[in-house]
Amino acid sequence: MTDPADEAPQQPTAFELVGGEARVRELVDRFYDLMDLEPEFAGIRAMHPQTLDGSRDKLFWFLCGWLGGPDHYIERFGHPRLRARHLPFAIASSERDQWLRCMAWAMDDVGLPEALREHLLNSFFDTADWMRNRPG
């Protein structure tokens, strides 16, 4: 029988490193505030409904689970099927880059540590790049 004290400590999840639900909500809110306010994000803003309340909730629910926290999105909607859900929108490199720049700015504004921001941005890039469905 293994003594639990001999086991290696468990690494914190990205969700825990971000700061839990309150910080994920802060990040998502800042992301959508920037999307709404900054002209450089007009391309991705145009893909969203006039009011961003539903989009804010869906990204918050998704990111909680994606970061290793509660699976709020899956509990409500099932598997995210991100690519399929985004196929109706023309997403090329420009839209990918706008999304990533907006998220990088939001992570900076909410004060995530630099190493965590870099790690998350690399992961976000992989996902955002996979979402592209148009040339360019």
N, C-alpha and C. Protein backbone atom coordinates (compact mmCIF):
# COMPACT_ATOMS: atom_id res chain seq x y z
N MET A 1 0.85 -1.19 0.00
CA MET A 1 0.00 0.00 0.00
C MET A 1 0.89 1.24 0.00
N THR A 2 0.55 2.18 -0.84
CA THR A 2 1.33 3.41 -0.97
C THR A 2 0.86 4.43 0.03
N ASP A 3 1.80 5.06 0.68
CA ASP A 3 1.50 6.14 1.62
C ASP A 3 1.21 7.39 0.81
N PRO A 4 0.05 8.04 0.99
CA PRO A 4 -0.27 9.25 0.22
C PRO A 4 0.80 10.33 0.36
N ALA A 5 1.52 10.35 1.45
CA ALA A 5 2.56 11.35 1.66
C ALA A 5 3.73 11.13 0.70
N ASP A 6 3.87 9.90 0.17
CA ASP A 6 4.97 9.59 -0.75
C ASP A 6 4.64 9.98 -2.19
N GLU A 7 3.39 10.27 -2.48
CA GLU A 7 2.98 10.60 -3.84
C GLU A 7 3.44 12.02 -4.19
N ALA A 8 3.77 12.21 -5.45
CA ALA A 8 4.19 13.53 -5.91
C ALA A 8 3.01 14.50 -5.81
N PRO A 9 3.30 15.74 -5.47
CA PRO A 9 2.19 16.71 -5.40
C PRO A 9 1.58 16.93 -6.78
N GLN A 10 0.28 17.10 -6.80
CA GLN A 10 -0.43 17.30 -8.06
C GLN A 10 -0.22 18.73 -8.54
N GLN A 11 0.08 18.86 -9.83
CA GLN A 11 0.28 20.19 -10.42
C GLN A 11 -1.06 20.92 -10.51
N PRO A 12 -1.06 22.22 -10.24
CA PRO A 12 -2.32 22.96 -10.36
C PRO A 12 -2.75 23.05 -11.82
N THR A 13 -4.04 23.08 -12.03
CA THR A 13 -4.58 23.24 -13.39
C THR A 13 -4.42 24.70 -13.83
N ALA A 14 -4.54 24.93 -15.12
CA ALA A 14 -4.53 26.30 -15.63
C ALA A 14 -5.69 27.09 -15.01
N PHE A 15 -6.81 26.42 -14.79
CA PHE A 15 -7.97 27.06 -14.16
C PHE A 15 -7.58 27.60 -12.78
N GLU A 16 -6.87 26.80 -12.02
CA GLU A 16 -6.42 27.23 -10.69
C GLU A 16 -5.38 28.34 -10.79
N LEU A 17 -4.47 28.22 -11.76
CA LEU A 17 -3.44 29.24 -11.93
C LEU A 17 -4.02 30.58 -12.36
N VAL A 18 -5.07 30.53 -13.17
CA VAL A 18 -5.75 31.76 -13.57
C VAL A 18 -6.41 32.42 -12.37
N GLY A 19 -6.95 31.60 -11.47
CA GLY A 19 -7.59 32.15 -10.28
C GLY A 19 -9.04 31.74 -10.10
N GLY A 20 -9.46 30.69 -10.81
CA GLY A 20 -10.81 30.18 -10.63
C GLY A 20 -11.86 30.94 -11.43
N GLU A 21 -13.10 30.65 -11.12
CA GLU A 21 -14.23 31.18 -11.89
C GLU A 21 -14.27 32.70 -11.94
N ALA A 22 -14.01 33.36 -10.81
CA ALA A 22 -14.10 34.82 -10.79
C ALA A 22 -13.10 35.44 -11.76
N ARG A 23 -11.90 34.89 -11.82
CA ARG A 23 -10.88 35.44 -12.72
C ARG A 23 -11.16 35.06 -14.18
N VAL A 24 -11.71 33.87 -14.42
CA VAL A 24 -12.08 33.51 -15.78
C VAL A 24 -13.17 34.46 -16.27
N ARG A 25 -14.13 34.75 -15.42
CA ARG A 25 -15.21 35.69 -15.79
C ARG A 25 -14.62 37.08 -16.06
N GLU A 26 -13.68 37.51 -15.24
CA GLU A 26 -13.03 38.81 -15.45
C GLU A 26 -12.31 38.83 -16.80
N LEU A 27 -11.62 37.75 -17.12
CA LEU A 27 -10.90 37.64 -18.39
C LEU A 27 -11.87 37.71 -19.57
N VAL A 28 -12.94 36.94 -19.50
CA VAL A 28 -13.93 36.91 -20.58
C VAL A 28 -14.59 38.29 -20.74
N ASP A 29 -14.94 38.90 -19.63
CA ASP A 29 -15.57 40.22 -19.72
C ASP A 29 -14.63 41.24 -20.34
N ARG A 30 -13.35 41.21 -19.96
CA ARG A 30 -12.39 42.14 -20.54
C ARG A 30 -12.21 41.86 -22.04
N PHE A 31 -12.16 40.59 -22.41
CA PHE A 31 -12.04 40.19 -23.81
C PHE A 31 -13.17 40.80 -24.63
N TYR A 32 -14.42 40.64 -24.18
CA TYR A 32 -15.55 41.15 -24.95
C TYR A 32 -15.66 42.68 -24.87
N ASP A 33 -15.22 43.26 -23.75
CA ASP A 33 -15.19 44.73 -23.68
C ASP A 33 -14.24 45.28 -24.74
N LEU A 34 -13.05 44.68 -24.83
CA LEU A 34 -12.08 45.12 -25.83
C LEU A 34 -12.62 44.91 -27.25
N MET A 35 -13.26 43.77 -27.48
CA MET A 35 -13.82 43.48 -28.80
C MET A 35 -14.85 44.55 -29.18
N ASP A 36 -15.60 44.99 -28.20
CA ASP A 36 -16.65 45.98 -28.44
C ASP A 36 -16.07 47.39 -28.63
N LEU A 37 -14.95 47.68 -27.98
CA LEU A 37 -14.42 49.04 -27.94
C LEU A 37 -13.33 49.35 -28.97
N GLU A 38 -12.52 48.37 -29.29
CA GLU A 38 -11.33 48.63 -30.10
C GLU A 38 -11.58 48.37 -31.59
N PRO A 39 -11.34 49.37 -32.43
CA PRO A 39 -11.57 49.22 -33.87
C PRO A 39 -10.80 48.07 -34.51
N GLU A 40 -9.64 47.72 -33.97
CA GLU A 40 -8.86 46.65 -34.59
C GLU A 40 -9.55 45.28 -34.49
N PHE A 41 -10.59 45.18 -33.66
CA PHE A 41 -11.31 43.92 -33.51
C PHE A 41 -12.67 43.95 -34.20
N ALA A 42 -12.89 44.92 -35.06
CA ALA A 42 -14.19 45.07 -35.73
C ALA A 42 -14.55 43.84 -36.55
N GLY A 43 -13.56 43.18 -37.14
CA GLY A 43 -13.84 42.00 -37.95
C GLY A 43 -14.47 40.87 -37.16
N ILE A 44 -13.93 40.61 -35.98
CA ILE A 44 -14.52 39.53 -35.17
C ILE A 44 -15.76 40.01 -34.43
N ARG A 45 -15.83 41.30 -34.12
CA ARG A 45 -17.02 41.82 -33.46
C ARG A 45 -18.24 41.65 -34.36
N ALA A 46 -18.04 41.84 -35.67
CA ALA A 46 -19.14 41.75 -36.63
C ALA A 46 -19.71 40.34 -36.71
N MET A 47 -18.98 39.34 -36.26
CA MET A 47 -19.46 37.95 -36.30
C MET A 47 -20.39 37.64 -35.13
N HIS A 48 -20.48 38.55 -34.18
CA HIS A 48 -21.24 38.31 -32.95
C HIS A 48 -22.58 39.03 -32.98
N PRO A 49 -23.52 38.59 -32.15
CA PRO A 49 -24.80 39.29 -32.06
C PRO A 49 -24.61 40.72 -31.52
N GLN A 50 -25.64 41.53 -31.69
CA GLN A 50 -25.57 42.92 -31.20
C GLN A 50 -25.25 42.96 -29.71
N THR A 51 -25.93 42.15 -28.93
CA THR A 51 -25.61 42.07 -27.51
C THR A 51 -24.69 40.87 -27.29
N LEU A 52 -23.68 41.08 -26.46
CA LEU A 52 -22.66 40.04 -26.25
C LEU A 52 -22.91 39.18 -25.01
N ASP A 53 -24.04 39.36 -24.34
CA ASP A 53 -24.29 38.63 -23.09
C ASP A 53 -24.19 37.12 -23.27
N GLY A 54 -24.85 36.58 -24.29
CA GLY A 54 -24.81 35.13 -24.52
C GLY A 54 -23.41 34.66 -24.89
N SER A 55 -22.71 35.45 -25.68
CA SER A 55 -21.35 35.09 -26.07
C SER A 55 -20.43 35.08 -24.85
N ARG A 56 -20.60 36.05 -23.98
CA ARG A 56 -19.80 36.11 -22.75
C ARG A 56 -20.01 34.85 -21.92
N ASP A 57 -21.27 34.48 -21.74
CA ASP A 57 -21.56 33.29 -20.93
C ASP A 57 -20.97 32.04 -21.57
N LYS A 58 -21.16 31.87 -22.87
CA LYS A 58 -20.66 30.66 -23.53
C LYS A 58 -19.15 30.55 -23.47
N LEU A 59 -18.44 31.66 -23.68
CA LEU A 59 -16.98 31.59 -23.60
C LEU A 59 -16.55 31.33 -22.16
N PHE A 60 -17.20 31.95 -21.20
CA PHE A 60 -16.89 31.70 -19.79
C PHE A 60 -17.10 30.22 -19.45
N TRP A 61 -18.24 29.68 -19.82
CA TRP A 61 -18.52 28.27 -19.52
C TRP A 61 -17.50 27.36 -20.20
N PHE A 62 -17.19 27.67 -21.47
CA PHE A 62 -16.23 26.86 -22.20
C PHE A 62 -14.84 26.94 -21.56
N LEU A 63 -14.37 28.16 -21.31
CA LEU A 63 -13.01 28.31 -20.78
C LEU A 63 -12.84 27.67 -19.41
N CYS A 64 -13.86 27.70 -18.58
CA CYS A 64 -13.75 27.04 -17.28
C CYS A 64 -13.33 25.59 -17.47
N GLY A 65 -14.01 24.87 -18.33
CA GLY A 65 -13.68 23.46 -18.57
C GLY A 65 -12.39 23.29 -19.34
N TRP A 66 -12.15 24.11 -20.34
CA TRP A 66 -10.95 24.01 -21.17
C TRP A 66 -9.69 24.22 -20.35
N LEU A 67 -9.80 25.06 -19.32
CA LEU A 67 -8.67 25.34 -18.43
C LEU A 67 -8.50 24.30 -17.33
N GLY A 68 -9.42 23.35 -17.25
CA GLY A 68 -9.30 22.29 -16.24
C GLY A 68 -10.21 22.46 -15.05
N GLY A 69 -11.17 23.37 -15.15
CA GLY A 69 -12.13 23.58 -14.07
C GLY A 69 -13.45 22.89 -14.38
N PRO A 70 -14.54 23.41 -13.82
CA PRO A 70 -15.86 22.79 -14.02
C PRO A 70 -16.28 22.80 -15.49
N ASP A 71 -16.95 21.75 -15.91
CA ASP A 71 -17.41 21.59 -17.30
C ASP A 71 -18.79 22.21 -17.51
N HIS A 72 -18.91 23.50 -17.23
CA HIS A 72 -20.20 24.17 -17.36
C HIS A 72 -20.76 24.09 -18.78
N TYR A 73 -19.89 24.26 -19.76
CA TYR A 73 -20.36 24.25 -21.15
C TYR A 73 -20.90 22.88 -21.52
N ILE A 74 -20.14 21.84 -21.23
CA ILE A 74 -20.55 20.47 -21.57
C ILE A 74 -21.85 20.11 -20.86
N GLU A 75 -22.00 20.54 -19.61
CA GLU A 75 -23.23 20.25 -18.87
C GLU A 75 -24.45 20.87 -19.55
N ARG A 76 -24.26 22.02 -20.19
CA ARG A 76 -25.37 22.71 -20.83
C ARG A 76 -25.61 22.28 -22.28
N PHE A 77 -24.52 22.06 -23.02
CA PHE A 77 -24.63 21.88 -24.46
C PHE A 77 -24.02 20.59 -25.00
N GLY A 78 -23.37 19.82 -24.18
CA GLY A 78 -22.67 18.63 -24.65
C GLY A 78 -21.29 19.00 -25.17
N HIS A 79 -20.72 18.13 -25.97
CA HIS A 79 -19.37 18.35 -26.51
C HIS A 79 -19.33 19.70 -27.24
N PRO A 80 -18.26 20.47 -27.04
CA PRO A 80 -18.21 21.79 -27.66
C PRO A 80 -18.24 21.81 -29.19
N ARG A 81 -17.67 20.79 -29.85
CA ARG A 81 -17.65 20.75 -31.32
C ARG A 81 -17.30 22.13 -31.88
N LEU A 82 -16.21 22.69 -31.40
CA LEU A 82 -15.85 24.06 -31.74
C LEU A 82 -15.82 24.34 -33.23
N ARG A 83 -15.13 23.49 -33.97
CA ARG A 83 -15.01 23.75 -35.41
C ARG A 83 -16.38 23.73 -36.08
N ALA A 84 -17.18 22.76 -35.77
CA ALA A 84 -18.51 22.67 -36.37
C ALA A 84 -19.37 23.88 -36.01
N ARG A 85 -19.29 24.33 -34.79
CA ARG A 85 -20.10 25.47 -34.35
C ARG A 85 -19.64 26.78 -35.01
N HIS A 86 -18.39 26.83 -35.43
CA HIS A 86 -17.86 28.05 -36.04
C HIS A 86 -17.86 28.02 -37.57
N LEU A 87 -18.25 26.90 -38.17
CA LEU A 87 -18.24 26.81 -39.63
C LEU A 87 -19.10 27.86 -40.34
N PRO A 88 -20.21 28.31 -39.75
CA PRO A 88 -21.00 29.34 -40.44
C PRO A 88 -20.28 30.69 -40.57
N PHE A 89 -19.19 30.87 -39.84
CA PHE A 89 -18.47 32.14 -39.84
C PHE A 89 -17.20 32.01 -40.68
N ALA A 90 -16.94 33.02 -41.50
CA ALA A 90 -15.73 33.03 -42.32
C ALA A 90 -14.54 33.38 -41.44
N ILE A 91 -13.71 32.38 -41.15
CA ILE A 91 -12.56 32.57 -40.28
C ILE A 91 -11.30 32.25 -41.07
N ALA A 92 -10.52 33.30 -41.31
CA ALA A 92 -9.23 33.16 -41.97
C ALA A 92 -8.16 33.62 -40.97
N SER A 93 -6.95 33.77 -41.44
CA SER A 93 -5.86 34.17 -40.54
C SER A 93 -6.12 35.52 -39.88
N SER A 94 -6.74 36.44 -40.60
CA SER A 94 -7.03 37.76 -40.04
C SER A 94 -7.94 37.67 -38.81
N GLU A 95 -9.00 36.88 -38.92
CA GLU A 95 -9.93 36.72 -37.79
C GLU A 95 -9.24 35.97 -36.64
N ARG A 96 -8.48 34.94 -36.98
CA ARG A 96 -7.71 34.22 -35.96
C ARG A 96 -6.82 35.19 -35.20
N ASP A 97 -6.09 36.00 -35.94
CA ASP A 97 -5.14 36.92 -35.32
C ASP A 97 -5.83 37.99 -34.49
N GLN A 98 -6.98 38.47 -34.95
CA GLN A 98 -7.74 39.44 -34.15
C GLN A 98 -8.16 38.81 -32.83
N TRP A 99 -8.67 37.58 -32.90
CA TRP A 99 -9.13 36.90 -31.68
C TRP A 99 -7.96 36.73 -30.70
N LEU A 100 -6.83 36.29 -31.23
CA LEU A 100 -5.66 36.07 -30.38
C LEU A 100 -5.15 37.38 -29.78
N ARG A 101 -5.12 38.44 -30.58
CA ARG A 101 -4.65 39.74 -30.07
C ARG A 101 -5.59 40.25 -28.99
N CYS A 102 -6.88 40.09 -29.20
CA CYS A 102 -7.86 40.53 -28.21
C CYS A 102 -7.69 39.74 -26.90
N MET A 103 -7.49 38.44 -27.01
CA MET A 103 -7.32 37.61 -25.82
C MET A 103 -6.00 37.94 -25.12
N ALA A 104 -4.93 38.16 -25.88
CA ALA A 104 -3.64 38.51 -25.28
C ALA A 104 -3.76 39.82 -24.50
N TRP A 105 -4.45 40.78 -25.08
CA TRP A 105 -4.66 42.07 -24.45
C TRP A 105 -5.47 41.90 -23.17
N ALA A 106 -6.53 41.10 -23.24
CA ALA A 106 -7.37 40.86 -22.06
C ALA A 106 -6.57 40.18 -20.95
N MET A 107 -5.76 39.17 -21.31
CA MET A 107 -4.95 38.49 -20.29
C MET A 107 -3.98 39.45 -19.63
N ASP A 108 -3.41 40.34 -20.42
CA ASP A 108 -2.50 41.35 -19.88
C ASP A 108 -3.25 42.30 -18.94
N ASP A 109 -4.41 42.78 -19.39
CA ASP A 109 -5.19 43.73 -18.60
C ASP A 109 -5.66 43.16 -17.26
N VAL A 110 -5.98 41.88 -17.22
CA VAL A 110 -6.44 41.30 -15.94
C VAL A 110 -5.26 40.86 -15.07
N GLY A 111 -4.05 41.00 -15.59
CA GLY A 111 -2.87 40.77 -14.77
C GLY A 111 -2.43 39.33 -14.63
N LEU A 112 -2.69 38.50 -15.64
CA LEU A 112 -2.18 37.13 -15.56
C LEU A 112 -0.66 37.17 -15.66
N PRO A 113 0.03 36.33 -14.91
CA PRO A 113 1.49 36.31 -14.97
C PRO A 113 1.99 36.01 -16.38
N GLU A 114 3.12 36.59 -16.74
CA GLU A 114 3.63 36.48 -18.10
C GLU A 114 3.80 35.04 -18.56
N ALA A 115 4.37 34.18 -17.72
CA ALA A 115 4.58 32.79 -18.13
C ALA A 115 3.25 32.09 -18.40
N LEU A 116 2.24 32.37 -17.60
CA LEU A 116 0.92 31.79 -17.81
C LEU A 116 0.29 32.35 -19.09
N ARG A 117 0.42 33.65 -19.31
CA ARG A 117 -0.11 34.26 -20.54
C ARG A 117 0.51 33.60 -21.77
N GLU A 118 1.82 33.42 -21.75
CA GLU A 118 2.50 32.81 -22.90
C GLU A 118 2.03 31.38 -23.14
N HIS A 119 1.91 30.62 -22.05
CA HIS A 119 1.45 29.23 -22.16
C HIS A 119 0.03 29.19 -22.75
N LEU A 120 -0.84 30.02 -22.20
CA LEU A 120 -2.23 30.03 -22.68
C LEU A 120 -2.31 30.53 -24.12
N LEU A 121 -1.53 31.54 -24.45
CA LEU A 121 -1.58 32.06 -25.82
C LEU A 121 -1.14 31.00 -26.82
N ASN A 122 -0.15 30.20 -26.47
CA ASN A 122 0.27 29.11 -27.36
C ASN A 122 -0.87 28.11 -27.55
N SER A 123 -1.56 27.77 -26.46
CA SER A 123 -2.68 26.85 -26.55
C SER A 123 -3.85 27.47 -27.32
N PHE A 124 -4.12 28.75 -27.06
CA PHE A 124 -5.18 29.44 -27.80
C PHE A 124 -4.85 29.48 -29.29
N PHE A 125 -3.57 29.69 -29.63
CA PHE A 125 -3.19 29.73 -31.04
C PHE A 125 -3.53 28.41 -31.72
N ASP A 126 -3.17 27.30 -31.08
CA ASP A 126 -3.45 25.99 -31.68
C ASP A 126 -4.93 25.82 -31.97
N THR A 127 -5.76 26.21 -31.02
CA THR A 127 -7.21 26.08 -31.19
C THR A 127 -7.72 27.07 -32.25
N ALA A 128 -7.29 28.32 -32.16
CA ALA A 128 -7.75 29.34 -33.09
C ALA A 128 -7.30 29.02 -34.52
N ASP A 129 -6.11 28.51 -34.66
CA ASP A 129 -5.62 28.17 -35.99
C ASP A 129 -6.44 27.03 -36.59
N TRP A 130 -6.83 26.08 -35.77
CA TRP A 130 -7.65 24.95 -36.20
C TRP A 130 -9.05 25.41 -36.63
N MET A 131 -9.48 26.56 -36.13
CA MET A 131 -10.82 27.07 -36.44
C MET A 131 -10.90 27.71 -37.82
N ARG A 132 -9.74 28.02 -38.41
CA ARG A 132 -9.76 28.67 -39.73
C ARG A 132 -10.48 27.76 -40.74
N ASN A 133 -11.38 28.37 -41.49
CA ASN A 133 -12.15 27.61 -42.48
C ASN A 133 -12.20 28.32 -43.83
N ARG A 134 -11.37 29.34 -43.99
CA ARG A 134 -11.27 30.08 -45.24
C ARG A 134 -9.80 30.32 -45.55
N PRO A 135 -9.44 30.40 -46.83
CA PRO A 135 -8.04 30.70 -47.17
C PRO A 135 -7.65 32.09 -46.70
N GLY A 136 -6.39 32.27 -46.54
CA GLY A 136 -5.86 33.60 -46.19
C GLY A 136 -5.59 33.78 -44.74
